[in-house]
Amino acid sequence: MAENRSVLTRQSPPPALSVRYGAGPDQLADVWPGEDGAAGRPLAVLIHGGFWRPAYDRVHSRPMATALHAAGWSVVSLEYRREPGLPGAAVDDVCAALAAVPGELARRGVAFDGTVVVVGHSAGGHLALLSAATAPAPGLAGTLALAPVADLRLAHALDLDEGAVRDFLGGPPADAAGLDPVRLPAPSTPVVIVHGTEDVRVPAALGEAYAAAHPATRFLPVDGAGHFELIDPLTAVWPVVTEALAGLARR
């Protein structure tokens, strides 16, 4: 059955501001500053998916960003370079943004408690898990990975999105173990994975493989859920996501 992809094109309010973390056109982040209550919560930093392809950008995550903002969070949605065959562009951008943006927002008076929770979906989940293991954001409280491409070799073997892993890396994943979250040491901060059991875009086996390799991971399968429901505030799955996020904030 085809998934409902309406969240990808649904109109949502634009961010209150954008900040740059580099000179390139994709090196920026959209920001929805929270109200006073957000001062008691981490900054929620979103990393969008799209199989690392240039056709997908941060705009499709606006419904998620605005819903979290309405629920009392200060929210950032990162953009990053998506250049086939140059994985370092995306990886370096995400690490640079996580290192620079929270501090810049603190200087601007955006309300949060000084810590960060990183939320990544699909390929953004891969980047979130990778950064948590190799270059965690200052003050990282935890990582919430939604249907993450957490095992590049398995994703390649399954030929997800018609060669997405090969296109991203510019070669086979066997040569890129340092970019494969399942093959890296576990992050020192908590990780929660939420994965739909009916996800055909990124099967739950990828999240399960990461959890098996890193037993401290909290793996939450969602019966009957697909891929895009996890970022859609209008679905019945959404409370699972917000509760997982709140749980990381309470640690």
C-alpha atoms as a PDB file:
ATOM      1  CA  MET A   1       0.000   0.000   0.000  1.00  0.00           C
ATOM      2  CA  ALA A   2       1.324   3.436  -0.939  1.00  0.00           C
ATOM      3  CA  GLU A   3       2.117   5.697   1.986  1.00  0.00           C
ATOM      4  CA  ASN A   4       0.495   9.057   2.563  1.00  0.00           C
ATOM      5  CA  ARG A   5       3.207  11.560   1.596  1.00  0.00           C
ATOM      6  CA  SER A   6       1.125  14.701   2.062  1.00  0.00           C
ATOM      7  CA  VAL A   7       3.340  15.936   4.882  1.00  0.00           C
ATOM      8  CA  LEU A   8       6.119  16.533   2.344  1.00  0.00           C
ATOM      9  CA  THR A   9       4.168  19.282   0.573  1.00  0.00           C
ATOM     10  CA  ARG A  10       1.852  20.549   3.313  1.00  0.00           C
ATOM     11  CA  GLN A  11       1.990  24.303   3.849  1.00  0.00           C
ATOM     12  CA  SER A  12       3.212  25.390   7.282  1.00  0.00           C
ATOM     13  CA  PRO A  13       4.208  28.704   8.854  1.00  0.00           C
ATOM     14  CA  PRO A  14       7.719  29.849   7.926  1.00  0.00           C
ATOM     15  CA  PRO A  15      10.435  30.147  10.574  1.00  0.00           C
ATOM     16  CA  ALA A  16      10.802  33.288  12.638  1.00  0.00           C
ATOM     17  CA  LEU A  17      14.429  33.597  11.564  1.00  0.00           C
ATOM     18  CA  SER A  18      17.290  31.794   9.881  1.00  0.00           C
ATOM     19  CA  VAL A  19      20.923  31.717  10.938  1.00  0.00           C
ATOM     20  CA  ARG A  20      24.022  30.827   8.963  1.00  0.00           C
ATOM     21  CA  TYR A  21      26.799  28.487  10.064  1.00  0.00           C
ATOM     22  CA  GLY A  22      28.796  28.798   6.830  1.00  0.00           C
ATOM     23  CA  ALA A  23      29.055  30.773   3.616  1.00  0.00           C
ATOM     24  CA  GLY A  24      27.442  28.188   1.316  1.00  0.00           C
ATOM     25  CA  PRO A  25      23.801  28.499   0.231  1.00  0.00           C
ATOM     26  CA  ASP A  26      22.829  25.330   2.103  1.00  0.00           C
ATOM     27  CA  GLN A  27      24.754  26.155   5.274  1.00  0.00           C
ATOM     28  CA  LEU A  28      21.897  27.637   7.273  1.00  0.00           C
ATOM     29  CA  ALA A  29      19.258  26.713   9.800  1.00  0.00           C
ATOM     30  CA  ASP A  30      15.641  27.786  10.271  1.00  0.00           C
ATOM     31  CA  VAL A  31      14.574  28.694  13.796  1.00  0.00           C
ATOM     32  CA  TRP A  32      11.250  28.769  15.641  1.00  0.00           C
ATOM     33  CA  PRO A  33      12.069  30.326  19.056  1.00  0.00           C
ATOM     34  CA  GLY A  34       9.922  29.003  21.871  1.00  0.00           C
ATOM     35  CA  GLU A  35       8.030  30.973  24.480  1.00  0.00           C
ATOM     36  CA  ASP A  36       9.183  31.279  28.083  1.00  0.00           C
ATOM     37  CA  GLY A  37       8.304  27.655  28.864  1.00  0.00           C
ATOM     38  CA  ALA A  38      10.900  26.490  26.354  1.00  0.00           C
ATOM     39  CA  ALA A  39      13.611  27.703  28.742  1.00  0.00           C
ATOM     40  CA  GLY A  40      13.137  24.508  30.739  1.00  0.00           C
ATOM     41  CA  ARG A  41      13.633  22.217  27.750  1.00  0.00           C
ATOM     42  CA  PRO A  42      16.481  21.329  25.400  1.00  0.00           C
ATOM     43  CA  LEU A  43      16.732  22.891  21.985  1.00  0.00           C
ATOM     44  CA  ALA A  44      15.156  20.491  19.465  1.00  0.00           C
ATOM     45  CA  VAL A  45      17.383  20.283  16.385  1.00  0.00           C
ATOM     46  CA  LEU A  46      15.830  18.594  13.349  1.00  0.00           C
ATOM     47  CA  ILE A  47      17.800  16.944  10.536  1.00  0.00           C
ATOM     48  CA  HIS A  48      15.619  16.201   7.529  1.00  0.00           C
ATOM     49  CA  GLY A  49      15.750  13.109   5.360  1.00  0.00           C
ATOM     50  CA  GLY A  50      15.471  12.462   1.638  1.00  0.00           C
ATOM     51  CA  PHE A  51      18.191   9.843   1.065  1.00  0.00           C
ATOM     52  CA  TRP A  52      20.830  12.615   1.031  1.00  0.00           C
ATOM     53  CA  ARG A  53      19.548  13.721  -2.383  1.00  0.00           C
ATOM     54  CA  PRO A  54      19.503  17.401  -3.455  1.00  0.00           C
ATOM     55  CA  ALA A  55      15.828  17.176  -4.436  1.00  0.00           C
ATOM     56  CA  TYR A  56      14.796  17.079  -0.750  1.00  0.00           C
ATOM     57  CA  ASP A  57      15.418  19.986   1.581  1.00  0.00           C
ATOM     58  CA  ARG A  58      14.430  21.182   5.041  1.00  0.00           C
ATOM     59  CA  VAL A  59      11.119  22.704   3.892  1.00  0.00           C
ATOM     60  CA  HIS A  60       9.371  19.330   4.068  1.00  0.00           C
ATOM     61  CA  SER A  61      10.091  19.156   7.804  1.00  0.00           C
ATOM     62  CA  ARG A  62       8.210  22.393   8.567  1.00  0.00           C
ATOM     63  CA  PRO A  63       4.992  20.666   9.689  1.00  0.00           C
ATOM     64  CA  MET A  64       7.040  18.791  12.277  1.00  0.00           C
ATOM     65  CA  ALA A  65       8.978  21.885  13.330  1.00  0.00           C
ATOM     66  CA  THR A  66       5.890  24.031  13.750  1.00  0.00           C
ATOM     67  CA  ALA A  67       4.066  21.300  15.714  1.00  0.00           C
ATOM     68  CA  LEU A  68       6.968  20.957  18.150  1.00  0.00           C
ATOM     69  CA  HIS A  69       7.152  24.724  18.469  1.00  0.00           C
ATOM     70  CA  ALA A  70       3.424  24.880  19.238  1.00  0.00           C
ATOM     71  CA  ALA A  71       4.006  22.221  21.917  1.00  0.00           C
ATOM     72  CA  GLY A  72       6.471  24.463  23.730  1.00  0.00           C
ATOM     73  CA  TRP A  73       9.890  23.767  22.228  1.00  0.00           C
ATOM     74  CA  SER A  74      12.453  26.029  20.629  1.00  0.00           C
ATOM     75  CA  VAL A  75      13.121  24.313  17.315  1.00  0.00           C
ATOM     76  CA  VAL A  76      15.903  24.436  14.720  1.00  0.00           C
ATOM     77  CA  SER A  77      15.739  22.766  11.316  1.00  0.00           C
ATOM     78  CA  LEU A  78      19.150  22.287   9.716  1.00  0.00           C
ATOM     79  CA  GLU A  79      19.968  22.462   6.050  1.00  0.00           C
ATOM     80  CA  TYR A  80      23.115  20.805   4.761  1.00  0.00           C
ATOM     81  CA  ARG A  81      24.817  20.152   1.458  1.00  0.00           C
ATOM     82  CA  ARG A  82      23.467  17.148  -0.426  1.00  0.00           C
ATOM     83  CA  GLU A  83      26.055  16.373  -3.082  1.00  0.00           C
ATOM     84  CA  PRO A  84      26.038  12.845  -4.565  1.00  0.00           C
ATOM     85  CA  GLY A  85      29.385  11.143  -4.218  1.00  0.00           C
ATOM     86  CA  LEU A  86      30.638  13.646  -1.628  1.00  0.00           C
ATOM     87  CA  PRO A  87      29.346  12.346   1.714  1.00  0.00           C
ATOM     88  CA  GLY A  88      31.719  14.584   3.626  1.00  0.00           C
ATOM     89  CA  ALA A  89      29.714  17.633   2.561  1.00  0.00           C
ATOM     90  CA  ALA A  90      26.610  16.522   4.467  1.00  0.00           C
ATOM     91  CA  VAL A  91      28.531  15.046   7.392  1.00  0.00           C
ATOM     92  CA  ASP A  92      30.753  18.090   7.860  1.00  0.00           C
ATOM     93  CA  ASP A  93      27.819  20.495   7.567  1.00  0.00           C
ATOM     94  CA  VAL A  94      25.745  18.728  10.192  1.00  0.00           C
ATOM     95  CA  CYS A  95      28.685  18.620  12.611  1.00  0.00           C
ATOM     96  CA  ALA A  96      29.500  22.281  11.946  1.00  0.00           C
ATOM     97  CA  ALA A  97      25.877  23.309  12.460  1.00  0.00           C
ATOM     98  CA  LEU A  98      25.553  21.375  15.709  1.00  0.00           C
ATOM     99  CA  ALA A  99      28.763  22.962  16.973  1.00  0.00           C
ATOM    100  CA  ALA A 100      27.784  26.536  16.072  1.00  0.00           C
ATOM    101  CA  VAL A 101      24.024  27.060  15.952  1.00  0.00           C
ATOM    102  CA  PRO A 102      22.979  26.334  19.572  1.00  0.00           C
ATOM    103  CA  GLY A 103      25.578  28.751  20.908  1.00  0.00           C
ATOM    104  CA  GLU A 104      24.524  31.418  18.432  1.00  0.00           C
ATOM    105  CA  LEU A 105      20.894  31.034  19.489  1.00  0.00           C
ATOM    106  CA  ALA A 106      21.826  31.222  23.154  1.00  0.00           C
ATOM    107  CA  ARG A 107      23.620  34.511  22.449  1.00  0.00           C
ATOM    108  CA  ARG A 108      20.476  35.777  20.718  1.00  0.00           C
ATOM    109  CA  GLY A 109      18.370  34.918  23.750  1.00  0.00           C
ATOM    110  CA  VAL A 110      16.416  31.996  22.279  1.00  0.00           C
ATOM    111  CA  ALA A 111      14.845  30.094  25.156  1.00  0.00           C
ATOM    112  CA  PHE A 112      16.246  26.636  25.953  1.00  0.00           C
ATOM    113  CA  ASP A 113      17.996  25.032  28.911  1.00  0.00           C
ATOM    114  CA  GLY A 114      21.450  24.941  27.340  1.00  0.00           C
ATOM    115  CA  THR A 115      21.199  21.336  26.161  1.00  0.00           C
ATOM    116  CA  VAL A 116      20.280  19.885  22.779  1.00  0.00           C
ATOM    117  CA  VAL A 117      18.209  16.951  21.550  1.00  0.00           C
ATOM    118  CA  VAL A 118      18.908  16.005  17.924  1.00  0.00           C
ATOM    119  CA  VAL A 119      15.999  14.544  15.949  1.00  0.00           C
ATOM    120  CA  GLY A 120      16.788  12.972  12.573  1.00  0.00           C
ATOM    121  CA  HIS A 121      14.456  11.280  10.105  1.00  0.00           C
ATOM    122  CA  SER A 122      15.513   8.700   7.514  1.00  0.00           C
ATOM    123  CA  ALA A 123      18.845   9.892   6.030  1.00  0.00           C
ATOM    124  CA  GLY A 124      18.704  12.623   8.663  1.00  0.00           C
ATOM    125  CA  GLY A 125      18.552   9.843  11.234  1.00  0.00           C
ATOM    126  CA  HIS A 126      21.761   8.450   9.783  1.00  0.00           C
ATOM    127  CA  LEU A 127      23.412  11.864  10.132  1.00  0.00           C
ATOM    128  CA  ALA A 128      22.067  12.302  13.664  1.00  0.00           C
ATOM    129  CA  LEU A 129      23.429   8.927  14.804  1.00  0.00           C
ATOM    130  CA  LEU A 130      26.733   9.510  13.036  1.00  0.00           C
ATOM    131  CA  SER A 131      27.236  12.914  14.646  1.00  0.00           C
ATOM    132  CA  ALA A 132      26.312  11.562  18.087  1.00  0.00           C
ATOM    133  CA  ALA A 133      29.038   8.948  17.774  1.00  0.00           C
ATOM    134  CA  THR A 134      31.770  11.055  16.161  1.00  0.00           C
ATOM    135  CA  ALA A 135      31.179  14.762  16.886  1.00  0.00           C
ATOM    136  CA  PRO A 136      28.341  15.219  19.366  1.00  0.00           C
ATOM    137  CA  ALA A 137      26.786  18.630  19.759  1.00  0.00           C
ATOM    138  CA  PRO A 138      27.893  20.537  22.864  1.00  0.00           C
ATOM    139  CA  GLY A 139      25.380  19.803  25.584  1.00  0.00           C
ATOM    140  CA  LEU A 140      23.859  16.856  23.703  1.00  0.00           C
ATOM    141  CA  ALA A 141      21.144  15.347  25.900  1.00  0.00           C
ATOM    142  CA  GLY A 142      20.209  12.596  23.465  1.00  0.00           C
ATOM    143  CA  THR A 143      19.385  11.574  19.915  1.00  0.00           C
ATOM    144  CA  LEU A 144      15.974  10.626  18.552  1.00  0.00           C
ATOM    145  CA  ALA A 145      16.306   8.751  15.269  1.00  0.00           C
ATOM    146  CA  LEU A 146      13.081   8.272  13.302  1.00  0.00           C
ATOM    147  CA  ALA A 147      13.256   5.446  10.748  1.00  0.00           C
ATOM    148  CA  PRO A 148      17.003   5.998  10.388  1.00  0.00           C
ATOM    149  CA  VAL A 149      19.225   4.620   7.650  1.00  0.00           C
ATOM    150  CA  ALA A 150      21.336   3.269  10.471  1.00  0.00           C
ATOM    151  CA  ASP A 151      23.063   0.417   8.620  1.00  0.00           C
ATOM    152  CA  LEU A 152      24.520   1.517   5.279  1.00  0.00           C
ATOM    153  CA  ARG A 153      25.566  -1.971   4.185  1.00  0.00           C
ATOM    154  CA  LEU A 154      22.083  -3.376   4.746  1.00  0.00           C
ATOM    155  CA  ALA A 155      20.493  -0.362   3.060  1.00  0.00           C
ATOM    156  CA  HIS A 156      22.773  -0.910   0.076  1.00  0.00           C
ATOM    157  CA  ALA A 157      21.982  -4.624  -0.056  1.00  0.00           C
ATOM    158  CA  LEU A 158      18.263  -3.771  -0.073  1.00  0.00           C
ATOM    159  CA  ASP A 159      18.875  -1.178  -2.821  1.00  0.00           C
ATOM    160  CA  LEU A 160      16.891   1.469  -0.972  1.00  0.00           C
ATOM    161  CA  ASP A 161      15.659   4.260  -3.244  1.00  0.00           C
ATOM    162  CA  GLU A 162      17.381   2.696  -6.223  1.00  0.00           C
ATOM    163  CA  GLY A 163      20.980   2.984  -5.129  1.00  0.00           C
ATOM    164  CA  ALA A 164      20.721   5.811  -2.614  1.00  0.00           C
ATOM    165  CA  VAL A 165      23.644   4.608  -0.477  1.00  0.00           C
ATOM    166  CA  ARG A 166      25.935   4.134  -3.470  1.00  0.00           C
ATOM    167  CA  ASP A 167      24.954   7.545  -4.834  1.00  0.00           C
ATOM    168  CA  PHE A 168      25.560   9.202  -1.462  1.00  0.00           C
ATOM    169  CA  LEU A 169      28.936   7.604  -0.856  1.00  0.00           C
ATOM    170  CA  GLY A 170      30.165   7.479  -4.433  1.00  0.00           C
ATOM    171  CA  GLY A 171      31.002   3.809  -3.944  1.00  0.00           C
ATOM    172  CA  PRO A 172      30.157   0.722  -1.905  1.00  0.00           C
ATOM    173  CA  PRO A 173      29.517   1.052   1.829  1.00  0.00           C
ATOM    174  CA  ALA A 174      32.104  -1.597   2.630  1.00  0.00           C
ATOM    175  CA  ASP A 175      34.688   1.122   1.981  1.00  0.00           C
ATOM    176  CA  ALA A 176      32.990   3.613   4.324  1.00  0.00           C
ATOM    177  CA  ALA A 177      32.764   1.949   7.731  1.00  0.00           C
ATOM    178  CA  GLY A 178      33.584   5.272   9.382  1.00  0.00           C
ATOM    179  CA  LEU A 179      30.323   6.699   8.060  1.00  0.00           C
ATOM    180  CA  ASP A 180      28.168   3.731   9.062  1.00  0.00           C
ATOM    181  CA  PRO A 181      26.499   4.229  12.472  1.00  0.00           C
ATOM    182  CA  VAL A 182      25.959   0.528  13.129  1.00  0.00           C
ATOM    183  CA  ARG A 183      29.709  -0.062  12.817  1.00  0.00           C
ATOM    184  CA  LEU A 184      30.830   2.820  15.004  1.00  0.00           C
ATOM    185  CA  PRO A 185      31.104   2.864  18.798  1.00  0.00           C
ATOM    186  CA  ALA A 186      27.884   3.672  20.587  1.00  0.00           C
ATOM    187  CA  PRO A 187      27.302   7.349  21.424  1.00  0.00           C
ATOM    188  CA  SER A 188      27.990   8.320  25.016  1.00  0.00           C
ATOM    189  CA  THR A 189      24.548   9.949  25.274  1.00  0.00           C
ATOM    190  CA  PRO A 190      21.134   8.223  25.075  1.00  0.00           C
ATOM    191  CA  VAL A 191      19.713   7.100  21.731  1.00  0.00           C
ATOM    192  CA  VAL A 192      16.064   6.332  21.003  1.00  0.00           C
ATOM    193  CA  ILE A 193      14.950   4.862  17.676  1.00  0.00           C
ATOM    194  CA  VAL A 194      11.311   4.956  16.573  1.00  0.00           C
ATOM    195  CA  HIS A 195      10.574   2.783  13.533  1.00  0.00           C
ATOM    196  CA  GLY A 196       7.338   1.770  11.838  1.00  0.00           C
ATOM    197  CA  THR A 197       6.898  -1.954  11.294  1.00  0.00           C
ATOM    198  CA  GLU A 198       5.345  -1.323   7.855  1.00  0.00           C
ATOM    199  CA  ASP A 199       8.032   1.060   6.623  1.00  0.00           C
ATOM    200  CA  VAL A 200       8.904   0.100   3.056  1.00  0.00           C
ATOM    201  CA  ARG A 201      11.164   3.095   2.375  1.00  0.00           C
ATOM    202  CA  VAL A 202      13.561   2.284   5.236  1.00  0.00           C
ATOM    203  CA  PRO A 203      12.594  -1.089   6.701  1.00  0.00           C
ATOM    204  CA  ALA A 204      12.622  -1.512  10.464  1.00  0.00           C
ATOM    205  CA  ALA A 205      15.412  -4.085  10.067  1.00  0.00           C
ATOM    206  CA  LEU A 206      17.856  -1.165   9.799  1.00  0.00           C
ATOM    207  CA  GLY A 207      16.844   0.270  13.154  1.00  0.00           C
ATOM    208  CA  GLU A 208      16.849  -3.203  14.667  1.00  0.00           C
ATOM    209  CA  ALA A 209      20.400  -3.790  13.407  1.00  0.00           C
ATOM    210  CA  TYR A 210      21.606  -0.620  15.121  1.00  0.00           C
ATOM    211  CA  ALA A 211      19.879  -1.529  18.379  1.00  0.00           C
ATOM    212  CA  ALA A 212      21.392  -5.018  18.273  1.00  0.00           C
ATOM    213  CA  ALA A 213      24.873  -3.558  17.780  1.00  0.00           C
ATOM    214  CA  HIS A 214      24.347  -0.961  20.530  1.00  0.00           C
ATOM    215  CA  PRO A 215      22.240  -2.611  23.257  1.00  0.00           C
ATOM    216  CA  ALA A 216      21.813   0.583  25.281  1.00  0.00           C
ATOM    217  CA  THR A 217      19.635   1.950  22.470  1.00  0.00           C
ATOM    218  CA  ARG A 218      15.936   2.196  23.221  1.00  0.00           C
ATOM    219  CA  PHE A 219      14.181   0.765  20.157  1.00  0.00           C
ATOM    220  CA  LEU A 220      10.468   1.558  19.788  1.00  0.00           C
ATOM    221  CA  PRO A 221       8.709  -0.317  16.972  1.00  0.00           C
ATOM    222  CA  VAL A 222       5.355   1.177  16.000  1.00  0.00           C
ATOM    223  CA  ASP A 223       2.967  -1.496  14.764  1.00  0.00           C
ATOM    224  CA  GLY A 224       1.423  -0.719  11.397  1.00  0.00           C
ATOM    225  CA  ALA A 225       3.272   2.559  10.879  1.00  0.00           C
ATOM    226  CA  GLY A 226       5.100   3.502   7.718  1.00  0.00           C
ATOM    227  CA  HIS A 227       7.895   5.922   6.923  1.00  0.00           C
ATOM    228  CA  PHE A 228       6.350   9.376   6.676  1.00  0.00           C
ATOM    229  CA  GLU A 229       3.884   9.035   9.536  1.00  0.00           C
ATOM    230  CA  LEU A 230       6.709   9.561  11.999  1.00  0.00           C
ATOM    231  CA  ILE A 231       7.166  13.180  10.884  1.00  0.00           C
ATOM    232  CA  ASP A 232       3.471  13.943  10.367  1.00  0.00           C
ATOM    233  CA  PRO A 233       1.778  15.657  13.339  1.00  0.00           C
ATOM    234  CA  LEU A 234      -1.645  14.727  11.931  1.00  0.00           C
ATOM    235  CA  THR A 235      -1.160  10.977  12.363  1.00  0.00           C
ATOM    236  CA  ALA A 236      -1.904   8.675  15.277  1.00  0.00           C
ATOM    237  CA  VAL A 237       1.812   7.904  15.495  1.00  0.00           C
ATOM    238  CA  TRP A 238       2.818  11.445  16.408  1.00  0.00           C
ATOM    239  CA  PRO A 239       2.339  11.061  20.208  1.00  0.00           C
ATOM    240  CA  VAL A 240       4.909   8.256  20.199  1.00  0.00           C
ATOM    241  CA  VAL A 241       7.426  10.694  18.733  1.00  0.00           C
ATOM    242  CA  THR A 242       6.646  13.527  21.129  1.00  0.00           C
ATOM    243  CA  GLU A 243       6.735  11.220  24.147  1.00  0.00           C
ATOM    244  CA  ALA A 244      10.122   9.848  23.089  1.00  0.00           C
ATOM    245  CA  LEU A 245      11.421  13.385  22.684  1.00  0.00           C
ATOM    246  CA  ALA A 246      10.087  14.397  26.084  1.00  0.00           C
ATOM    247  CA  GLY A 247      11.704  11.340  27.631  1.00  0.00           C
ATOM    248  CA  LEU A 248      15.131  12.393  26.362  1.00  0.00           C
ATOM    249  CA  ALA A 249      14.546  15.898  27.713  1.00  0.00           C
ATOM    250  CA  ARG A 250      13.806  14.543  31.174  1.00  0.00           C
ATOM    251  CA  ARG A 251      17.061  12.599  31.500  1.00  0.00           C
END
